[in-house]
Protein backbone atom coordinates (compact mmCIF):
# COMPACT_ATOMS: atom_id res chain seq x y z
CA UNK A 1 8.86 -42.39 -3.29
CA UNK A 2 11.86 -41.45 -5.46
CA UNK A 3 10.28 -42.96 -8.60
CA UNK A 4 6.97 -41.24 -7.81
CA UNK A 5 8.74 -37.89 -7.34
CA UNK A 6 10.71 -38.34 -10.58
CA UNK A 7 7.51 -38.98 -12.55
CA UNK A 8 5.84 -35.91 -11.08
CA UNK A 9 8.91 -33.79 -11.80
CA UNK A 10 8.99 -34.99 -15.43
CA UNK A 11 5.30 -34.12 -15.78
CA UNK A 12 6.04 -30.71 -14.20
CA UNK A 13 8.75 -29.93 -16.77
CA UNK A 14 6.56 -31.12 -19.64
CA UNK A 15 3.66 -28.96 -18.44
CA UNK A 16 5.92 -25.90 -18.29
CA UNK A 17 7.13 -26.46 -21.86
CA UNK A 18 3.59 -26.89 -23.20
CA UNK A 19 2.37 -23.84 -21.27
CA UNK A 20 5.20 -21.64 -22.54
CA UNK A 21 4.54 -22.68 -26.14
CA UNK A 22 0.81 -22.04 -25.73
CA UNK A 23 1.33 -18.56 -24.27
CA UNK A 24 3.90 -17.57 -26.89
CA UNK A 25 1.90 -18.81 -29.87
CA UNK A 26 -1.51 -17.62 -28.67
CA UNK A 27 -0.30 -14.07 -28.06
CA UNK A 28 1.18 -13.90 -31.53
CA UNK A 29 -1.84 -15.53 -33.15
CA UNK A 30 -4.16 -13.07 -31.41
CA UNK A 31 -2.01 -10.02 -32.09
CA UNK A 32 -0.63 -10.75 -35.53
CA UNK A 33 2.21 -8.30 -36.06
CA UNK A 34 3.25 -7.53 -32.48
CA UNK A 35 5.07 -4.30 -33.42
CA UNK A 36 1.98 -3.04 -35.27
CA UNK A 37 -0.23 -3.90 -32.29
CA UNK A 38 2.06 -2.01 -29.93
CA UNK A 39 2.35 1.13 -32.06
CA UNK A 40 -1.31 1.24 -33.10
CA UNK A 41 -3.10 1.49 -36.42
CA UNK A 42 -1.75 4.98 -37.26
CA UNK A 43 1.92 3.95 -37.10
CA UNK A 44 3.99 4.12 -40.26
CA UNK A 45 5.54 1.04 -41.85
CA UNK A 46 9.02 2.41 -41.10
CA UNK A 47 8.24 2.77 -37.37
CA UNK A 48 6.76 -0.72 -37.23
CA UNK A 49 9.78 -2.26 -38.93
CA UNK A 50 12.18 -0.34 -36.68
CA UNK A 51 10.46 -1.53 -33.51
CA UNK A 52 10.28 -5.10 -34.81
CA UNK A 53 14.02 -5.06 -35.56
CA UNK A 54 14.90 -3.44 -32.21
CA UNK A 55 13.16 -6.18 -30.20
CA UNK A 56 13.93 -9.05 -32.57
CA UNK A 57 10.31 -9.42 -33.65
CA UNK A 58 11.37 -9.78 -37.29
CA UNK A 59 13.30 -12.97 -36.53
CA UNK A 60 11.83 -16.46 -37.08
CA UNK A 61 9.20 -17.49 -34.55
CA UNK A 62 11.28 -20.41 -33.28
CA UNK A 63 14.26 -18.11 -32.61
CA UNK A 64 12.02 -15.61 -30.80
CA UNK A 65 10.67 -18.37 -28.59
CA UNK A 66 14.12 -19.71 -27.74
CA UNK A 67 15.39 -16.19 -26.99
CA UNK A 68 12.44 -15.61 -24.65
CA UNK A 69 12.81 -18.91 -22.80
CA UNK A 70 16.60 -18.67 -22.41
CA UNK A 71 16.16 -15.11 -21.21
CA UNK A 72 13.61 -16.16 -18.60
CA UNK A 73 15.87 -18.96 -17.38
CA UNK A 74 18.64 -16.41 -16.84
CA UNK A 75 16.32 -13.89 -15.16
CA UNK A 76 15.84 -11.63 -18.18
CA UNK A 77 12.08 -11.26 -18.68
CA UNK A 78 12.40 -8.70 -21.45
CA UNK A 79 11.72 -4.96 -21.51
CA UNK A 80 8.66 -2.78 -21.81
CA UNK A 81 8.00 -1.43 -25.30
CA UNK A 82 6.76 1.92 -24.03
CA UNK A 83 9.02 2.73 -21.08
CA UNK A 84 12.00 0.43 -21.81
CA UNK A 85 11.88 -0.70 -18.17
CA UNK A 86 12.99 -4.19 -17.27
CA UNK A 87 10.03 -6.53 -16.81
CA UNK A 88 11.90 -8.17 -13.94
CA UNK A 89 12.07 -4.82 -12.13
CA UNK A 90 8.38 -4.16 -12.77
CA UNK A 91 7.44 -7.60 -11.42
CA UNK A 92 9.71 -7.33 -8.37
CA UNK A 93 8.17 -4.00 -7.38
CA UNK A 94 4.62 -5.39 -7.64
CA UNK A 95 5.45 -8.60 -5.81
CA UNK A 96 6.17 -6.61 -2.65
CA UNK A 97 2.42 -5.96 -2.62
CA UNK A 98 0.97 -9.15 -4.12
CA UNK A 99 2.98 -11.73 -2.15
CA UNK A 100 2.13 -10.36 1.33
CA UNK A 101 -1.50 -9.94 0.24
CA UNK A 102 -1.87 -13.46 -1.15
CA UNK A 103 0.06 -15.29 1.58
CA UNK A 104 -1.59 -13.38 4.41
CA UNK A 105 -5.04 -13.97 2.89
CA UNK A 106 -4.34 -17.70 2.56
CA UNK A 107 -2.95 -17.94 6.11
CA UNK A 108 -5.95 -16.09 7.52
CA UNK A 109 -8.29 -18.40 5.61
CA UNK A 110 -6.55 -21.47 7.04
CA UNK A 111 -6.49 -20.11 10.59
CA UNK A 112 -10.25 -19.58 10.37
CA UNK A 113 -11.23 -22.63 8.33
CA UNK A 114 -9.34 -25.48 10.03
CA UNK A 115 -10.64 -25.03 13.60
CA UNK A 116 -14.14 -23.94 12.54
CA UNK A 117 -14.45 -26.72 9.95
CA UNK A 118 -13.33 -29.28 12.53
CA UNK A 119 -15.75 -27.85 15.09
CA UNK A 120 -18.62 -27.99 12.58
CA UNK A 121 -17.83 -31.65 11.86
CA UNK A 122 -17.62 -32.62 15.53
CA UNK A 123 -20.96 -30.88 16.17
CA UNK A 124 -22.85 -32.05 13.09
CA UNK A 125 -26.59 -32.25 13.78
CA UNK A 126 -26.33 -29.78 16.64
CA UNK A 127 -27.50 -26.14 16.38
CA UNK A 128 -23.96 -24.71 16.58
CA UNK A 129 -22.67 -26.98 13.81
CA UNK A 130 -25.69 -26.28 11.60
CA UNK A 131 -25.38 -22.50 12.03
CA UNK A 132 -21.68 -22.61 11.23
CA UNK A 133 -22.28 -24.68 8.09
CA UNK A 134 -25.00 -22.21 7.03
CA UNK A 135 -22.74 -19.20 7.57
CA UNK A 136 -19.98 -20.79 5.48
CA UNK A 137 -22.48 -21.52 2.71
CA UNK A 138 -23.55 -17.87 2.68
CA UNK A 139 -19.90 -16.81 2.66
CA UNK A 140 -19.23 -18.86 -0.46
CA UNK A 141 -21.92 -16.87 -2.29
CA UNK A 142 -20.46 -13.47 -1.30
CA UNK A 143 -18.21 -11.96 -4.02
CA UNK A 144 -14.77 -10.85 -2.86
CA UNK A 145 -15.27 -7.30 -4.15
CA UNK A 146 -18.53 -6.94 -2.20
CA UNK A 147 -16.83 -8.14 0.98
CA UNK A 148 -14.10 -5.59 0.36
CA UNK A 149 -16.60 -2.77 -0.10
CA UNK A 150 -18.52 -3.70 3.06
CA UNK A 151 -15.34 -3.89 5.14
CA UNK A 152 -14.21 -0.53 3.73
CA UNK A 153 -17.51 1.08 4.65
CA UNK A 154 -17.39 -0.33 8.18
CA UNK A 155 -13.74 0.03 9.20
CA UNK A 156 -12.70 2.81 6.86
CA UNK A 157 -15.66 5.15 6.39
CA UNK A 158 -17.78 4.72 9.52
CA UNK A 159 -15.12 3.85 12.12
CA UNK A 160 -12.14 5.49 10.43
CA UNK A 161 -9.72 2.88 11.74
CA UNK A 162 -8.10 1.83 8.47
CA UNK A 163 -7.44 3.29 5.00
CA UNK A 164 -10.02 2.33 2.38
CA UNK A 165 -7.52 2.25 -0.46
CA UNK A 166 -4.10 3.22 -1.71
CA UNK A 167 -0.66 1.90 -0.85
CA UNK A 168 2.15 3.03 1.42
CA UNK A 169 5.47 1.46 0.31
CA UNK A 170 7.36 -0.69 2.80
CA UNK A 171 10.39 1.59 2.48
CA UNK A 172 8.31 4.62 3.44
CA UNK A 173 6.49 3.19 6.44
CA UNK A 174 6.26 -0.43 7.56
CA UNK A 175 3.24 0.36 9.71
CA UNK A 176 1.59 2.23 6.86
CA UNK A 177 2.12 -0.71 4.50
CA UNK A 178 0.60 -3.12 7.02
CA UNK A 179 -2.39 -0.80 7.51
CA UNK A 180 -2.85 -0.67 3.73
CA UNK A 181 -3.05 -4.47 3.61
CA UNK A 182 -5.35 -5.14 6.58
CA UNK A 183 -8.69 -4.67 4.81
CA UNK A 184 -7.59 -6.40 1.56
CA UNK A 185 -6.27 -9.38 3.55
CA UNK A 186 -9.49 -9.58 5.58
CA UNK A 187 -11.58 -9.49 2.40
CA UNK A 188 -9.53 -12.22 0.73
CA UNK A 189 -9.10 -14.38 3.83
CA UNK A 190 -12.74 -14.38 4.93
CA UNK A 191 -14.01 -15.45 1.52
CA UNK A 192 -11.37 -18.17 1.23
CA UNK A 193 -12.19 -19.38 4.74
CA UNK A 194 -15.86 -19.74 3.83
CA UNK A 195 -14.91 -22.08 0.97
CA UNK A 196 -12.38 -24.09 2.96
CA UNK A 197 -14.63 -24.56 6.01
CA UNK A 198 -16.95 -26.73 3.91
CA UNK A 199 -14.09 -28.94 2.70
CA UNK A 200 -12.50 -29.25 6.14
CA UNK A 201 -15.89 -30.19 7.60
CA UNK A 202 -16.45 -32.85 4.93
CA UNK A 203 -12.92 -34.26 5.32
CA UNK A 204 -13.18 -34.52 9.11
CA UNK A 205 -16.67 -36.05 8.90
CA UNK A 206 -15.41 -38.69 6.47
CA UNK A 207 -12.47 -39.59 8.72
CA UNK A 208 -14.61 -39.75 11.86
CA UNK A 209 -16.79 -42.42 10.25
CA UNK A 210 -13.86 -44.67 9.34
CA UNK A 211 -13.28 -48.00 11.10
CA UNK A 212 -9.81 -47.10 12.37
CA UNK A 213 -11.21 -44.07 14.22
CA UNK A 214 -13.99 -46.15 15.78
CA UNK A 215 -11.39 -48.74 16.79
CA UNK A 216 -9.25 -46.05 18.43
CA UNK A 217 -12.24 -44.85 20.40
CA UNK A 218 -13.05 -48.43 21.40
CA UNK A 219 -9.64 -48.81 23.04
CA UNK A 220 -10.22 -45.77 25.23
CA UNK A 221 -9.38 -42.67 23.19
CA UNK A 222 -11.71 -39.72 23.28
CA UNK A 223 -13.26 -38.44 20.06
CA UNK A 224 -10.70 -35.64 19.84
CA UNK A 225 -7.74 -37.90 20.62
CA UNK A 226 -8.80 -40.41 17.98
CA UNK A 227 -9.15 -37.66 15.41
CA UNK A 228 -5.77 -36.07 16.17
CA UNK A 229 -3.72 -39.24 16.62
CA UNK A 230 -5.29 -41.52 14.01
CA UNK A 231 -7.50 -39.58 11.62
CA UNK A 232 -5.54 -36.38 11.04
CA UNK A 233 -3.16 -37.85 8.45
CA UNK A 234 -6.04 -39.04 6.25
CA UNK A 235 -8.08 -35.87 6.79
CA UNK A 236 -5.14 -33.84 5.48
CA UNK A 237 -5.32 -35.36 1.98
CA UNK A 238 -8.49 -33.60 0.74
CA UNK A 239 -7.58 -30.48 2.71
CA UNK A 240 -4.21 -30.25 0.94
CA UNK A 241 -5.99 -30.58 -2.42
CA UNK A 242 -8.33 -27.72 -1.55
CA UNK A 243 -5.42 -25.57 -0.36
CA UNK A 244 -3.68 -26.16 -3.69
CA UNK A 245 -6.80 -25.13 -5.59
CA UNK A 246 -7.28 -22.08 -3.39
CA UNK A 247 -3.69 -20.96 -3.98
CA UNK A 248 -4.36 -21.06 -7.73
CA UNK A 249 -7.60 -19.11 -7.23
CA UNK A 250 -5.70 -16.49 -5.24
CA UNK A 251 -4.60 -15.02 -8.56
CA UNK A 252 -8.16 -14.22 -9.59
CA UNK A 253 -8.98 -13.03 -6.08
CA UNK A 254 -6.04 -10.65 -5.92
CA UNK A 255 -7.03 -9.07 -9.26
CA UNK A 256 -10.37 -8.04 -7.75
CA UNK A 257 -8.99 -7.05 -4.36
CA UNK A 258 -6.13 -5.01 -5.82
CA UNK A 259 -8.61 -3.15 -8.01
CA UNK A 260 -11.09 -2.48 -5.18
CA UNK A 261 -8.38 -1.17 -2.83
CA UNK A 262 -6.21 0.51 -5.51
CA UNK A 263 -3.15 -1.60 -4.70
CA UNK A 264 -0.23 -1.56 -7.20
CA UNK A 265 0.09 -5.35 -7.29
CA UNK A 266 1.08 -7.81 -9.98
CA UNK A 267 -2.44 -8.75 -11.06
CA UNK A 268 -3.46 -5.13 -11.53
CA UNK A 269 -0.24 -4.49 -13.47
CA UNK A 270 -1.10 -7.29 -15.90
CA UNK A 271 -4.53 -5.80 -16.60
CA UNK A 272 -2.99 -2.37 -17.20
CA UNK A 273 -0.40 -3.79 -19.59
CA UNK A 274 -3.02 -5.75 -21.53
CA UNK A 275 -4.84 -2.47 -22.14
CA UNK A 276 -1.52 -0.81 -23.08
CA UNK A 277 -0.65 -3.62 -25.55
CA UNK A 278 2.56 -4.46 -23.69
CA UNK A 279 2.95 -7.90 -25.24
CA UNK A 280 6.31 -8.81 -23.70
CA UNK A 281 5.29 -7.67 -20.21
CA UNK A 282 2.06 -9.67 -20.36
CA UNK A 283 3.73 -12.72 -21.87
CA UNK A 284 6.45 -12.94 -19.23
CA UNK A 285 4.27 -12.14 -16.20
CA UNK A 286 1.58 -14.64 -17.24
CA UNK A 287 4.29 -17.27 -17.65
CA UNK A 288 5.56 -16.52 -14.14
CA UNK A 289 2.05 -17.02 -12.77
CA UNK A 290 1.71 -20.33 -14.61
CA UNK A 291 5.06 -21.48 -13.20
CA UNK A 292 3.77 -20.62 -9.73
CA UNK A 293 0.49 -22.51 -10.21
CA UNK A 294 2.16 -25.62 -11.67
CA UNK A 295 4.75 -25.57 -8.88
CA UNK A 296 1.96 -25.52 -6.29
CA UNK A 297 0.35 -28.50 -8.03
CA UNK A 298 3.70 -30.35 -7.95
CA UNK A 299 4.04 -29.71 -4.20
CA UNK A 300 0.48 -30.95 -3.62
CA UNK A 301 1.18 -34.13 -5.62
CA UNK A 302 4.38 -34.79 -3.67
CA UNK A 303 2.60 -34.26 -0.36
CA UNK A 304 -0.11 -36.66 -1.47
CA UNK A 305 2.49 -39.31 -2.22
CA UNK A 306 4.23 -38.72 1.09
CA UNK A 307 1.03 -38.95 3.14
CA UNK A 308 -0.67 -41.84 1.31
CA UNK A 309 1.36 -44.86 0.09
CA UNK A 310 -1.60 -45.90 -2.07
CA UNK A 311 -1.07 -42.84 -4.24
CA UNK A 312 2.60 -43.74 -4.81
CA UNK A 313 1.66 -47.32 -5.71
CA UNK A 314 -0.97 -46.31 -8.25
CA UNK A 315 1.13 -43.60 -9.94
């Protein structure tokens, strides 16, 4: 297991280096003179040169890259060109919205998907299992923004139970912040659950047809006991993979949900800074997201190796 973990960790570090180089070089290739892009086409040459010198954009590309990476490793993500605010402060403020939204949406999706997916697998061929599989298929086709709009109309406009948009900071009112997140979390969690139900159902069905489960039932275990005691470990492998993929897709989902519900989250901040030509803000925040996604993939790989010795042997 130690050798397997070391290999995965080495791949993780290599992926981070390649990703950072790609982000840094692509942004500069797309933007050309970063200072000119920030100031706009009407800026004078003197203003462009002054901004480039102030932020070290006139230094060699290799030095700029090393400065950026060493700064990120020490917690310095750079500063905004327009407001001179620390990118770290901007990100921290937005994470108080995005992290609860993403984690709560994922948790809700799992709470719904695992029992319902297992139930659909145990009742395959029966009306209840067929209806549940059909509902999950329909849910996969529903866009997250449409689910958000429908939930807002029902619980916000018609019933008046919850706010349809906006954000109440945690420091102002804990209850108000929770109320602001209820509909966004429901929208995100329900759509994620629809996707995961299908994978949980397939994983449980595959395990239930294995010889070791049939053997366990032959020695006196019930269907449920055989699944929980013998088949659960193997059923977890594809489910963990799907969870890892869903965590990565949370980023795209939160962009839509934060826009629909007017939440000041990280994803929405990135879109705003792209429009504002905030190169350093975009560069650092995108790198943070990539670090998060690659870290999730590393955790999934390590869990795979822990749960299945065959994976460790073949790596």
